[in-house]
Amino acid sequence: MVSLVKSIDTAHEDVIHDAELDFNGIRLATCSSDHTVKIHDLRNGSQRLIAELKGHDGPVWQVAWSHQSFGNLLASCSYDRKGADSGIHLRVDPSNRAGHAQKWSVGRSKDPSVNSIRWAPHEFGLILACGSSDGAISLLTHSGGVNWDVKKIVNAHTIGCNAVTWCPHSTLSTDMPTPRPTLIKRIVSGGCDNLVKIWREDEDRWVEETKLEGHTDWIRDVAWAKYIGSSRIVIASCSQDRRVIIWSSDNFVSWSALVLKTFDDVVWSVSWSITGHVLAVSGGDNKRGLSQFKGTYLLLI
């Protein structure tokens, strides 16, 4: 059973789309259709609103904290109707003073909506992956100061890309024996074409490595498990087809699919625990669920 531990009054005036704790679990960032991002201090079991960040011109879909080694950096993405900027805001030290955080502009675009953002594992540097409704995936790499280099995977998903996240593993290249193994960057994405896709960086470009077919409606979220104690590769995806599918592989080439459950309504979000053994699922049925992963079995608890 899943029990409620604590409720937080976010003071948002419309639907909340995302919530994320920072690296130390002290600050909670939330975002909403009221066009704002709010930061809450949760230390000592209390709750205190310490910042209200404005600037987006539409619903804010996601927030993402960077690794603490890069300081206090918070990214947010939205549907900015005016098309004045990319829909991505980066703020340094967002909780220094309410409403007075520094905002970094990251390029300009006519993309109607940036739907998903995720930071790369910190060993790769400060890199943000972004999925947008024009079907593209953008990779923003910090190049110093307020400058960012942008690479795009054009037409990654037909109609639109709804979700993107990084492979948490420090995957090593085994193509050639080298004194110092090479780290490989991989991301997984889900889109309106009902597909889950895995992308791999190949020199100065990104290539489609694998296409996973199994859902029958739009993919709403993808989550890559950091499965401690095993070399197994595990990805969860959820969809408007009301299903959660667990994809697993031992080599990034051959993948097996297991339908965790068909829910009563659309499933919006999936998220793995830090060890990769527990999957949290949330959907339109107004229920929460946790699934524990043990070997080749999934136990709903």
Protein backbone atom coordinates (compact mmCIF):
# COMPACT_ATOMS: atom_id res chain seq x y z
CA MET A 1 0.00 0.00 0.00
CA VAL A 2 1.02 3.62 -0.60
CA SER A 3 0.29 6.03 2.24
CA LEU A 4 0.33 9.83 2.27
CA VAL A 5 3.26 11.19 4.28
CA LYS A 6 2.90 14.94 3.77
CA SER A 7 0.78 17.43 1.80
CA ILE A 8 2.27 20.68 0.55
CA ASP A 9 0.24 23.77 -0.24
CA THR A 10 2.05 25.12 -3.30
CA ALA A 11 -0.11 28.27 -3.60
CA HIS A 12 -0.41 27.74 -7.35
CA GLU A 13 -3.58 29.10 -8.93
CA ASP A 14 -4.00 26.41 -11.60
CA VAL A 15 -3.07 22.80 -12.43
CA ILE A 16 0.38 21.65 -11.23
CA HIS A 17 2.27 19.83 -13.97
CA ASP A 18 5.54 18.88 -12.30
CA ALA A 19 7.39 18.84 -8.97
CA GLU A 20 11.04 18.04 -8.32
CA LEU A 21 13.29 18.04 -5.26
CA ASP A 22 16.81 19.38 -5.55
CA PHE A 23 19.88 17.15 -5.16
CA ASN A 24 19.83 17.36 -1.36
CA GLY A 25 16.07 16.98 -0.99
CA ILE A 26 15.78 20.37 0.71
CA ARG A 27 14.04 22.50 -1.89
CA LEU A 28 10.99 21.59 -3.93
CA ALA A 29 10.35 23.23 -7.30
CA THR A 30 6.81 23.13 -8.70
CA CYS A 31 5.34 24.46 -11.96
CA SER A 32 1.84 25.13 -13.13
CA SER A 33 -0.57 26.34 -15.78
CA ASP A 34 -0.58 29.64 -13.89
CA HIS A 35 2.70 30.38 -15.76
CA THR A 36 4.85 30.31 -12.62
CA VAL A 37 7.54 28.21 -10.97
CA LYS A 38 7.63 28.14 -7.17
CA ILE A 39 10.40 27.08 -4.80
CA HIS A 40 9.59 25.67 -1.35
CA ASP A 41 12.03 25.10 1.52
CA LEU A 42 11.21 21.79 3.23
CA ARG A 43 13.86 21.68 5.94
CA ASN A 44 13.05 20.48 9.46
CA GLY A 45 9.72 19.05 8.37
CA SER A 46 8.27 22.49 7.68
CA GLN A 47 7.21 24.21 4.45
CA ARG A 48 8.13 27.73 3.37
CA LEU A 49 7.63 29.43 0.01
CA ILE A 50 10.96 31.11 -0.77
CA ALA A 51 10.62 32.08 -4.45
CA GLU A 52 7.98 32.66 -7.11
CA LEU A 53 9.56 32.74 -10.57
CA LYS A 54 7.73 34.43 -13.42
CA GLY A 55 8.59 34.98 -17.06
CA HIS A 56 6.87 32.21 -18.98
CA ASP A 57 3.94 33.23 -21.14
CA GLY A 58 2.08 29.92 -20.94
CA PRO A 59 1.68 26.71 -18.94
CA VAL A 60 4.97 25.49 -17.45
CA TRP A 61 5.28 21.77 -18.09
CA GLN A 62 8.47 20.67 -16.32
CA VAL A 63 11.24 21.76 -13.97
CA ALA A 64 14.69 20.23 -13.56
CA TRP A 65 17.46 20.88 -11.02
CA SER A 66 21.07 20.50 -12.17
CA HIS A 67 23.59 18.44 -10.22
CA GLN A 68 24.93 20.29 -7.19
CA SER A 69 28.44 20.39 -8.70
CA PHE A 70 27.12 23.04 -11.11
CA GLY A 71 25.61 25.19 -8.37
CA ASN A 72 21.95 26.07 -7.92
CA LEU A 73 20.64 25.92 -11.49
CA LEU A 74 16.98 25.31 -12.25
CA ALA A 75 15.56 24.78 -15.75
CA SER A 76 11.90 25.11 -16.69
CA CYS A 77 10.07 24.63 -19.99
CA SER A 78 6.70 25.77 -21.22
CA TYR A 79 4.27 26.60 -23.98
CA ASP A 80 5.19 30.25 -24.49
CA ARG A 81 2.43 31.44 -26.79
CA LYS A 82 4.13 34.60 -28.03
CA GLY A 83 6.99 32.58 -29.50
CA ALA A 84 9.36 35.23 -28.17
CA ASP A 85 11.88 32.72 -26.87
CA SER A 86 12.58 29.02 -26.79
CA GLY A 87 10.21 28.20 -23.94
CA ILE A 88 13.23 27.24 -21.81
CA HIS A 89 14.31 29.33 -18.82
CA LEU A 90 17.49 28.71 -16.82
CA ARG A 91 17.88 30.39 -13.45
CA VAL A 92 20.97 30.59 -11.27
CA ASP A 93 20.29 30.44 -7.53
CA PRO A 94 16.49 30.60 -8.05
CA SER A 95 15.78 30.91 -4.33
CA ASN A 96 18.06 33.84 -3.52
CA ARG A 97 15.15 36.29 -3.45
CA ALA A 98 11.56 35.69 -4.49
CA GLY A 99 11.07 36.81 -8.07
CA HIS A 100 14.67 38.07 -8.51
CA ALA A 101 16.52 35.00 -9.79
CA GLN A 102 18.90 35.45 -12.69
CA LYS A 103 17.42 34.14 -15.95
CA TRP A 104 19.53 32.86 -18.82
CA SER A 105 18.05 33.00 -22.31
CA VAL A 106 18.79 29.92 -24.42
CA GLY A 107 18.37 30.82 -28.07
CA ARG A 108 15.18 31.74 -29.88
CA SER A 109 12.73 29.50 -31.62
CA LYS A 110 9.24 29.40 -33.08
CA ASP A 111 8.57 26.02 -31.47
CA PRO A 112 5.05 26.23 -29.99
CA SER A 113 5.88 24.17 -26.92
CA VAL A 114 8.89 22.68 -25.16
CA ASN A 115 7.38 19.66 -23.42
CA SER A 116 10.23 17.95 -21.57
CA ILE A 117 13.67 18.81 -20.16
CA ARG A 118 16.29 16.69 -18.43
CA TRP A 119 19.89 17.30 -17.34
CA ALA A 120 22.60 14.86 -18.38
CA PRO A 121 24.53 12.82 -15.79
CA HIS A 122 27.01 15.25 -14.26
CA GLU A 123 30.09 13.42 -15.55
CA PHE A 124 29.13 14.55 -19.07
CA GLY A 125 29.09 18.21 -18.09
CA LEU A 126 26.23 20.71 -18.04
CA ILE A 127 23.97 19.46 -20.86
CA LEU A 128 20.19 19.84 -21.10
CA ALA A 129 18.05 17.63 -23.36
CA CYS A 130 14.76 19.18 -24.52
CA GLY A 131 11.84 17.61 -26.37
CA SER A 132 9.42 19.88 -28.23
CA SER A 133 6.11 19.70 -30.07
CA ASP A 134 7.75 20.26 -33.46
CA GLY A 135 9.13 16.71 -33.09
CA ALA A 136 12.72 17.77 -32.44
CA ILE A 137 15.09 17.01 -29.56
CA SER A 138 17.56 19.77 -28.69
CA LEU A 139 20.82 19.24 -26.77
CA LEU A 140 22.05 22.41 -25.04
CA THR A 141 25.67 22.27 -23.84
CA HIS A 142 27.08 24.97 -21.59
CA SER A 143 30.17 26.44 -23.26
CA GLY A 144 31.08 29.05 -20.65
CA GLY A 145 29.57 32.20 -19.20
CA VAL A 146 26.05 32.62 -20.54
CA ASN A 147 26.80 30.77 -23.78
CA TRP A 148 25.24 27.49 -24.86
CA ASP A 149 25.94 25.32 -27.90
CA VAL A 150 22.85 23.77 -29.48
CA LYS A 151 22.56 20.49 -31.39
CA LYS A 152 19.24 19.27 -32.76
CA ILE A 153 17.80 15.91 -33.66
CA VAL A 154 15.30 17.06 -36.28
CA ASN A 155 12.08 15.03 -36.76
CA ALA A 156 12.90 12.74 -33.84
CA HIS A 157 9.16 12.03 -33.48
CA THR A 158 6.33 12.64 -35.91
CA ILE A 159 3.89 15.33 -34.68
CA GLY A 160 5.81 15.92 -31.45
CA CYS A 161 8.20 14.76 -28.73
CA ASN A 162 6.56 14.53 -25.31
CA ALA A 163 9.30 13.09 -23.10
CA VAL A 164 13.06 12.79 -22.97
CA THR A 165 15.54 11.53 -20.38
CA TRP A 166 19.15 10.34 -20.15
CA CYS A 167 20.72 6.95 -19.71
CA PRO A 168 22.08 7.13 -16.14
CA HIS A 169 24.79 4.57 -16.76
CA SER A 170 28.36 5.56 -17.54
CA THR A 171 28.22 3.29 -20.56
CA LEU A 172 31.63 2.32 -21.87
CA SER A 173 32.53 1.95 -25.52
CA THR A 174 33.85 -1.52 -26.31
CA ASP A 175 34.34 -1.01 -30.06
CA MET A 176 38.09 -0.71 -29.74
CA PRO A 177 40.51 -1.58 -26.93
CA THR A 178 41.82 1.70 -25.50
CA PRO A 179 43.82 2.52 -22.38
CA ARG A 180 41.01 4.82 -21.27
CA PRO A 181 37.45 3.64 -22.10
CA THR A 182 35.15 6.19 -23.72
CA LEU A 183 31.88 7.26 -22.13
CA ILE A 184 28.85 7.08 -24.44
CA LYS A 185 25.93 9.49 -24.17
CA ARG A 186 22.47 8.03 -24.68
CA ILE A 187 18.96 9.44 -24.30
CA VAL A 188 15.51 7.88 -24.56
CA SER A 189 12.50 9.75 -25.90
CA GLY A 190 8.77 9.21 -26.39
CA GLY A 191 6.43 10.92 -28.81
CA CYS A 192 3.10 11.34 -30.52
CA ASP A 193 4.06 8.61 -33.00
CA ASN A 194 3.49 6.04 -30.20
CA LEU A 195 7.21 5.16 -30.27
CA VAL A 196 9.96 4.99 -27.68
CA LYS A 197 13.37 5.72 -29.24
CA ILE A 198 16.92 5.43 -27.96
CA TRP A 199 19.51 7.86 -29.31
CA ARG A 200 23.31 7.60 -29.10
CA GLU A 201 25.90 10.29 -29.65
CA ASP A 202 28.19 9.36 -32.56
CA GLU A 203 31.07 11.83 -32.78
CA ASP A 204 29.40 15.21 -33.52
CA ARG A 205 25.88 13.93 -34.21
CA TRP A 206 23.10 11.93 -32.60
CA VAL A 207 21.81 8.74 -34.26
CA GLU A 208 18.75 6.59 -33.66
CA GLU A 209 20.00 3.39 -32.04
CA THR A 210 16.76 1.57 -31.25
CA LYS A 211 13.04 1.98 -31.90
CA LEU A 212 10.73 0.32 -29.36
CA GLU A 213 7.19 -0.42 -30.54
CA GLY A 214 4.42 -1.58 -28.20
CA HIS A 215 2.21 1.37 -27.28
CA THR A 216 -0.90 2.20 -29.30
CA ASP A 217 -1.27 5.87 -28.37
CA TRP A 218 0.89 8.89 -27.54
CA ILE A 219 3.80 8.30 -25.16
CA ARG A 220 3.52 10.60 -22.15
CA ASP A 221 6.70 9.81 -20.19
CA VAL A 222 9.84 7.69 -20.22
CA ALA A 223 12.17 6.84 -17.32
CA TRP A 224 15.56 5.12 -17.42
CA ALA A 225 16.37 3.10 -14.30
CA LYS A 226 19.71 3.35 -12.55
CA TYR A 227 19.68 -0.31 -11.59
CA ILE A 228 22.36 -0.64 -8.92
CA GLY A 229 23.94 -4.08 -8.59
CA SER A 230 23.18 -5.21 -12.14
CA SER A 231 24.32 -4.47 -15.68
CA ARG A 232 20.78 -4.86 -16.91
CA ILE A 233 19.29 -1.92 -18.83
CA VAL A 234 15.71 -1.06 -17.85
CA ILE A 235 13.38 1.66 -19.22
CA ALA A 236 9.77 2.39 -18.26
CA SER A 237 7.30 4.12 -20.56
CA CYS A 238 3.69 5.21 -20.12
CA SER A 239 1.06 6.24 -22.60
CA GLN A 240 -2.42 7.47 -23.33
CA ASP A 241 -3.19 3.81 -24.12
CA ARG A 242 -3.35 3.45 -20.28
CA ARG A 243 -0.41 1.07 -20.15
CA VAL A 244 3.01 1.08 -18.53
CA ILE A 245 5.62 -1.00 -20.36
CA ILE A 246 8.96 -2.12 -18.93
CA TRP A 247 11.67 -2.50 -21.58
CA SER A 248 14.82 -4.45 -20.66
CA SER A 249 18.06 -5.41 -22.37
CA ASP A 250 21.53 -6.73 -21.62
CA ASN A 251 23.28 -5.21 -24.63
CA PHE A 252 21.29 -2.22 -26.04
CA VAL A 253 20.51 -4.37 -29.09
CA SER A 254 17.89 -6.96 -28.13
CA TRP A 255 14.99 -5.62 -26.02
CA SER A 256 12.10 -7.40 -24.30
CA ALA A 257 8.81 -5.73 -23.36
CA LEU A 258 6.62 -6.46 -20.35
CA VAL A 259 3.28 -4.70 -19.79
CA LEU A 260 3.25 -3.77 -16.13
CA LYS A 261 -0.46 -2.98 -16.03
CA THR A 262 -3.32 -1.49 -18.01
CA PHE A 263 -4.77 1.30 -15.87
CA ASP A 264 -8.25 2.83 -15.82
CA ASP A 265 -7.16 6.09 -17.43
CA VAL A 266 -4.26 7.75 -19.24
CA VAL A 267 -0.91 7.35 -17.46
CA TRP A 268 0.99 10.64 -17.32
CA SER A 269 4.20 9.97 -15.44
CA VAL A 270 6.69 7.27 -14.44
CA SER A 271 9.70 7.72 -12.17
CA TRP A 272 12.29 5.27 -10.81
CA SER A 273 13.75 5.34 -7.31
CA ILE A 274 17.43 6.20 -7.01
CA THR A 275 18.36 2.50 -6.88
CA GLY A 276 16.13 1.56 -9.82
CA HIS A 277 14.16 -1.03 -7.85
CA VAL A 278 10.90 0.89 -7.34
CA LEU A 279 8.80 2.59 -10.03
CA ALA A 280 6.27 5.31 -9.19
CA VAL A 281 3.31 5.69 -11.56
CA SER A 282 0.71 8.46 -11.71
CA GLY A 283 -2.26 8.84 -14.04
CA GLY A 284 -5.65 10.27 -14.78
CA ASP A 285 -7.43 7.87 -12.43
CA ASN A 286 -6.30 10.09 -9.50
CA LYS A 287 -4.37 7.19 -7.96
CA ARG A 288 -0.71 6.66 -7.13
CA GLY A 289 1.12 3.37 -7.45
CA LEU A 290 4.50 1.85 -6.65
CA SER A 291 5.92 -1.24 -8.31
CA GLN A 292 8.92 -3.13 -6.97
CA PHE A 293 11.30 -4.65 -9.50
CA LYS A 294 12.91 -7.96 -8.53
CA GLY A 295 14.86 -9.83 -11.14
CA THR A 296 12.48 -10.64 -13.98
CA TYR A 297 9.32 -10.05 -11.93
CA LEU A 298 7.25 -6.98 -11.24
CA LEU A 299 5.23 -6.98 -8.04
CA LEU A 300 2.51 -4.38 -7.62
CA ILE A 301 2.38 -3.24 -3.99
